[in-house]
Protein backbone atom coordinates (compact mmCIF):
# COMPACT_ATOMS: atom_id res chain seq x y z
CA MET A 1 0.03 -0.11 0.00
CA ASN A 2 1.34 3.18 -0.75
CA PRO A 3 1.77 6.16 1.71
CA PRO A 4 -0.63 8.83 1.66
CA ALA A 5 1.70 11.60 0.32
CA ALA A 6 2.66 9.11 -2.48
CA ASP A 7 -1.19 8.48 -3.24
CA ASP A 8 -1.38 12.44 -3.52
CA ILE A 9 1.31 12.66 -5.69
CA SER A 10 -0.30 9.95 -7.98
CA TYR A 11 -3.67 11.89 -8.10
CA CYS A 12 -2.06 15.00 -8.89
CA VAL A 13 0.07 13.63 -11.58
CA ALA A 14 -3.10 11.79 -13.29
CA ASP A 15 -4.85 15.16 -13.18
CA LEU A 16 -2.24 16.74 -14.88
CA GLU A 17 -1.97 14.10 -17.40
CA ASP A 18 -5.60 14.82 -18.00
CA ALA A 19 -5.22 18.67 -18.05
CA VAL A 20 -2.66 18.07 -20.82
CA GLU A 21 -4.66 15.61 -22.54
CA LYS A 22 -7.58 17.94 -22.90
CA LYS A 23 -5.47 21.11 -23.76
CA SER A 24 -3.95 18.79 -26.64
CA SER A 25 -7.29 17.87 -27.97
CA ALA A 26 -8.29 21.49 -27.67
CA LEU A 27 -5.42 22.65 -29.60
CA ASN A 28 -5.81 19.85 -32.34
CA THR A 29 -8.98 21.02 -33.02
CA CYS A 30 -8.07 24.89 -33.20
CA MET A 31 -5.65 23.75 -35.76
CA ASN A 32 -8.18 21.66 -37.65
CA ILE A 33 -10.62 24.57 -37.75
CA CYS A 34 -7.66 27.06 -39.03
CA SER A 35 -6.81 24.66 -41.83
CA SER A 36 -10.36 24.52 -42.86
CA CYS A 37 -10.71 28.20 -42.86
CA ASP A 38 -7.37 28.49 -44.66
CA ARG A 39 -8.85 26.03 -47.23
CA ILE A 40 -12.00 28.21 -47.50
CA ILE A 41 -10.28 31.50 -47.93
CA SER A 42 -8.18 30.07 -50.62
CA MET A 43 -11.11 28.74 -52.48
CA ALA A 44 -12.77 32.13 -52.24
CA ILE A 45 -9.72 34.20 -53.53
CA CYS A 46 -9.38 31.49 -56.34
CA LEU A 47 -13.13 31.96 -57.16
CA SER A 48 -12.96 35.48 -57.22
CA GLN A 49 -10.42 36.02 -59.71
CA TRP A 50 -12.39 34.11 -62.24
């Protein structure tokens, strides 16, 4: 059995890992949205030149 302090540290590390994973997922979502916007803008520019 782990001492109480070790359990607290384990819970803290697990919480940090969850937070990093959530931030990483949010960043990936933002990057995907930006990429989609870039493609839409590029298509709009291309179409406006016709």
